[in-house]
Amino acid sequence: MSTAETPQDQPVKHEPGAVSDDVLSAAITLDASSDTIPTADTTDHFPNLESQLRELELKASEHHDAWLRAKAETENVRRRAQEDISKAHKFAVEKFAGELLAVKDSLEAALTVPEQTVDSFKSGVELTLKQLVAAFEKNALQEINPLGEKFDPHKHQAIGMVDSDQEANTVVTVLQKGYLIADRTLRPALVMVAKGQ
C-alpha cells in the first residue's frame, strides 16, 4: 500500500458476518424515516379507528332510541288494552240495560192506570213480555225449553226421574226454563227425566 492511496481508494475487506459502517448508517436512516413518514400502503390497509368508533356510537344511539320508542309504544298499547278491558267490564250490560228500560216503563205505566179490567191487565202484561223477549233476542239471550229432548247435562239440571212411556233420559217435564247467552249456559233448565222401561 502506498502512502498516496487514500482510505477511500483502499479495497474494503469484508469479514463474514460483518456489516460496513456505510450500509449500517443507511439502514438506520431508512428505519428512522419510515417511522415518521407514513406510507400509502399503511393508510390504505388500516381505516381510521376514530371514524369507525363514531359510526358505531351513532348506530348504537339509533338502536337505543328505536328500542326506547318501541318500549314506550308497547307500554301505551298495554295501558290502552287494560283501559278497554276495564270499560268493557264496567259497561258490558249497557246495551241490555237500555233494552230493559222500555220494559220497566211499560210496567210502571200499567201500575198507574186507576181502573183496570182483567183483560186489559192481561194484554198489558203480554205486551210487556213481548218487549222483554225482544230485548233478550237482541242481546243473544236464548231460552232453553227442552220438553221432549234428550237430557243434556250442560244445559239441563235433572231434579228427579219419573216413570214414563218415553225413552230413558228424555225430558218429560220442565219446571223452570233455562237460558243461554251467546251459546253459553247462563242458567240450566230444571227438568224431570224419564226412567225408561
Protein backbone atom coordinates (compact mmCIF):
# COMPACT_ATOMS: atom_id res chain seq x y z
CA MET A 1 0.00 0.00 0.00
CA SER A 2 1.48 3.32 -0.99
CA THR A 3 1.23 6.48 1.03
CA ALA A 4 -0.54 8.24 -1.80
CA GLU A 5 -3.57 6.00 -1.60
CA THR A 6 -6.48 7.43 0.32
CA PRO A 7 -8.65 5.38 2.57
CA GLN A 8 -11.45 5.57 0.02
CA ASP A 9 -9.26 4.01 -2.64
CA GLN A 10 -8.34 1.16 -0.44
CA PRO A 11 -10.26 -2.02 -1.07
CA VAL A 12 -12.76 -2.86 1.65
CA LYS A 13 -12.23 -6.17 3.23
CA HIS A 14 -15.40 -7.89 4.29
CA GLU A 15 -15.30 -10.31 7.06
CA PRO A 16 -18.03 -12.88 7.15
CA GLY A 17 -20.95 -11.53 9.28
CA ALA A 18 -19.52 -8.01 9.40
CA VAL A 19 -21.51 -5.05 8.11
CA SER A 20 -19.82 -1.91 6.83
CA ASP A 21 -20.46 1.42 8.56
CA ASP A 22 -21.97 2.93 5.39
CA VAL A 23 -24.54 0.14 4.99
CA LEU A 24 -25.40 0.26 8.68
CA SER A 25 -25.91 4.04 8.67
CA ALA A 26 -28.09 3.81 5.53
CA ALA A 27 -30.27 1.16 7.18
CA ILE A 28 -30.67 3.30 10.31
CA THR A 29 -31.61 6.31 8.19
CA LEU A 30 -34.29 4.29 6.32
CA ASP A 31 -35.62 2.87 9.58
CA ALA A 32 -35.93 6.33 11.16
CA SER A 33 -37.63 7.82 8.11
CA SER A 34 -40.21 5.01 7.92
CA ASP A 35 -41.34 5.78 11.50
CA THR A 36 -42.00 9.46 10.83
CA ILE A 37 -43.47 9.37 7.31
CA PRO A 38 -46.45 7.05 6.79
CA THR A 39 -46.52 5.22 3.52
CA ALA A 40 -49.56 4.90 1.24
CA ASP A 41 -49.80 1.17 1.94
CA THR A 42 -50.31 1.58 5.70
CA THR A 43 -53.09 4.20 5.38
CA ASP A 44 -54.97 2.08 2.82
CA HIS A 45 -54.97 -1.07 4.93
CA PHE A 46 -55.87 0.42 8.34
CA PRO A 47 -59.00 2.64 8.28
CA ASN A 48 -59.29 5.43 10.78
CA LEU A 49 -60.39 3.84 14.06
CA GLU A 50 -61.86 7.07 15.42
CA SER A 51 -64.28 7.44 12.49
CA GLN A 52 -65.29 3.78 12.86
CA LEU A 53 -65.91 4.31 16.57
CA ARG A 54 -68.04 7.40 15.87
CA GLU A 55 -70.12 5.48 13.30
CA LEU A 56 -70.67 2.61 15.73
CA GLU A 57 -71.64 5.02 18.52
CA LEU A 58 -74.19 6.67 16.20
CA LYS A 59 -75.65 3.29 15.26
CA ALA A 60 -75.81 2.24 18.91
CA SER A 61 -77.56 5.51 19.76
CA GLU A 62 -80.08 4.98 16.92
CA HIS A 63 -80.79 1.41 18.09
CA HIS A 64 -81.20 2.60 21.68
CA ASP A 65 -83.64 5.32 20.60
CA ALA A 66 -85.62 2.82 18.50
CA TRP A 67 -85.74 0.42 21.46
CA LEU A 68 -86.99 3.20 23.78
CA ARG A 69 -89.71 4.15 21.28
CA ALA A 70 -90.79 0.51 20.87
CA LYS A 71 -90.87 0.06 24.65
CA ALA A 72 -92.97 3.21 25.10
CA GLU A 73 -95.36 2.10 22.34
CA THR A 74 -95.72 -1.33 23.96
CA GLU A 75 -96.50 0.28 27.31
CA ASN A 76 -99.10 2.53 25.66
CA VAL A 77 -100.76 -0.44 23.92
CA ARG A 78 -100.82 -2.41 27.19
CA ARG A 79 -102.30 0.55 29.08
CA ARG A 80 -104.96 1.15 26.42
CA ALA A 81 -105.86 -2.55 26.43
CA GLN A 82 -106.28 -2.50 30.20
CA GLU A 83 -108.49 0.59 29.95
CA ASP A 84 -110.58 -1.09 27.23
CA ILE A 85 -110.99 -4.22 29.36
CA SER A 86 -111.98 -2.12 32.34
CA LYS A 87 -114.55 -0.21 30.26
CA ALA A 88 -115.87 -3.46 28.78
CA HIS A 89 -116.42 -4.87 32.29
CA LYS A 90 -117.99 -1.67 33.52
CA PHE A 91 -120.29 -1.06 30.55
CA ALA A 92 -120.91 -4.62 29.31
CA VAL A 93 -124.59 -4.51 30.21
CA GLU A 94 -125.17 -1.02 28.83
CA LYS A 95 -126.94 -2.19 25.65
CA PHE A 96 -129.01 -4.78 27.51
CA ALA A 97 -129.92 -2.28 30.23
CA GLY A 98 -131.09 0.17 27.55
CA GLU A 99 -133.43 -2.51 26.16
CA LEU A 100 -134.82 -3.25 29.62
CA LEU A 101 -135.74 0.38 30.24
CA ALA A 102 -138.70 0.04 27.85
CA VAL A 103 -139.91 -2.99 29.81
CA LYS A 104 -139.70 -1.08 33.09
CA ASP A 105 -141.55 1.88 31.57
CA SER A 106 -144.38 -0.44 30.45
CA LEU A 107 -144.68 -1.99 33.91
CA GLU A 108 -144.79 1.43 35.59
CA ALA A 109 -147.41 2.65 33.09
CA ALA A 110 -149.58 -0.39 33.84
CA LEU A 111 -149.48 0.36 37.55
CA THR A 112 -150.58 3.99 37.07
CA VAL A 113 -153.87 3.07 35.36
CA PRO A 114 -156.56 3.67 38.04
CA GLU A 115 -159.22 1.21 36.93
CA GLN A 116 -158.09 -1.97 35.18
CA THR A 117 -160.04 -4.93 33.98
CA VAL A 118 -158.58 -8.39 33.97
CA ASP A 119 -158.46 -8.36 30.16
CA SER A 120 -156.66 -5.02 29.93
CA PHE A 121 -154.21 -6.09 32.64
CA LYS A 122 -153.52 -9.39 30.83
CA SER A 123 -153.00 -7.68 27.48
CA GLY A 124 -150.61 -5.18 29.11
CA VAL A 125 -148.57 -7.99 30.70
CA GLU A 126 -148.44 -9.85 27.34
CA LEU A 127 -147.21 -6.70 25.62
CA THR A 128 -144.57 -6.19 28.29
CA LEU A 129 -143.47 -9.84 27.96
CA LYS A 130 -143.06 -9.34 24.19
CA GLN A 131 -140.82 -6.34 24.86
CA LEU A 132 -138.74 -8.42 27.27
CA VAL A 133 -138.40 -11.31 24.81
CA ALA A 134 -137.34 -8.84 22.09
CA ALA A 135 -134.71 -7.40 24.43
CA PHE A 136 -133.44 -10.93 25.14
CA GLU A 137 -133.22 -11.75 21.43
CA LYS A 138 -131.34 -8.54 20.61
CA ASN A 139 -128.74 -9.42 23.24
CA ALA A 140 -128.26 -13.12 22.29
CA LEU A 141 -130.12 -14.37 25.36
CA GLN A 142 -131.89 -17.58 24.29
CA GLU A 143 -134.50 -19.56 26.15
CA ILE A 144 -133.98 -23.28 26.85
CA ASN A 145 -137.27 -25.22 26.87
CA PRO A 146 -136.15 -28.84 26.40
CA LEU A 147 -139.51 -30.66 26.67
CA GLY A 148 -139.26 -33.97 24.77
CA GLU A 149 -135.49 -33.61 24.16
CA LYS A 150 -132.68 -35.88 25.37
CA PHE A 151 -131.19 -34.83 28.70
CA ASP A 152 -128.07 -32.69 28.24
CA PRO A 153 -126.10 -32.15 31.49
CA HIS A 154 -124.52 -29.00 30.00
CA LYS A 155 -127.91 -27.30 29.54
CA HIS A 156 -130.27 -29.13 31.89
CA GLN A 157 -130.38 -29.88 35.59
CA ALA A 158 -132.37 -33.00 36.49
CA ILE A 159 -134.40 -32.73 39.69
CA GLY A 160 -135.70 -36.27 39.58
CA MET A 161 -136.72 -39.25 37.46
CA VAL A 162 -140.28 -40.32 36.75
CA ASP A 163 -141.88 -43.38 35.19
CA SER A 164 -142.78 -42.64 31.59
CA ASP A 165 -143.51 -44.32 28.28
CA GLN A 166 -140.80 -42.23 26.69
CA GLU A 167 -137.22 -43.34 26.14
CA ALA A 168 -134.87 -43.23 29.16
CA ASN A 169 -133.26 -39.84 29.92
CA THR A 170 -135.83 -37.90 27.93
CA VAL A 171 -137.09 -34.64 29.44
CA VAL A 172 -140.76 -35.15 30.36
CA THR A 173 -141.36 -32.04 32.50
CA VAL A 174 -139.75 -28.57 32.50
CA LEU A 175 -140.04 -27.00 35.95
CA GLN A 176 -138.07 -23.85 35.07
CA LYS A 177 -136.77 -22.73 31.69
CA GLY A 178 -133.07 -22.26 31.24
CA TYR A 179 -131.18 -19.60 29.32
CA LEU A 180 -128.13 -19.42 27.07
CA ILE A 181 -126.15 -16.28 26.45
CA ALA A 182 -124.10 -16.46 23.25
CA ASP A 183 -124.20 -20.30 23.30
CA ARG A 184 -123.06 -20.44 26.91
CA THR A 185 -125.34 -21.67 29.66
CA LEU A 186 -126.46 -18.79 31.83
CA ARG A 187 -128.93 -20.90 33.80
CA PRO A 188 -129.68 -24.60 33.20
CA ALA A 189 -133.29 -25.69 32.78
CA LEU A 190 -134.74 -27.55 35.79
CA VAL A 191 -136.26 -30.75 34.43
CA MET A 192 -137.70 -34.16 35.27
CA VAL A 193 -136.47 -37.04 33.10
CA ALA A 194 -137.94 -40.41 32.19
CA LYS A 195 -136.64 -43.55 33.87
CA GLY A 196 -137.44 -45.66 30.87
CA GLN A 197 -138.90 -49.17 30.71
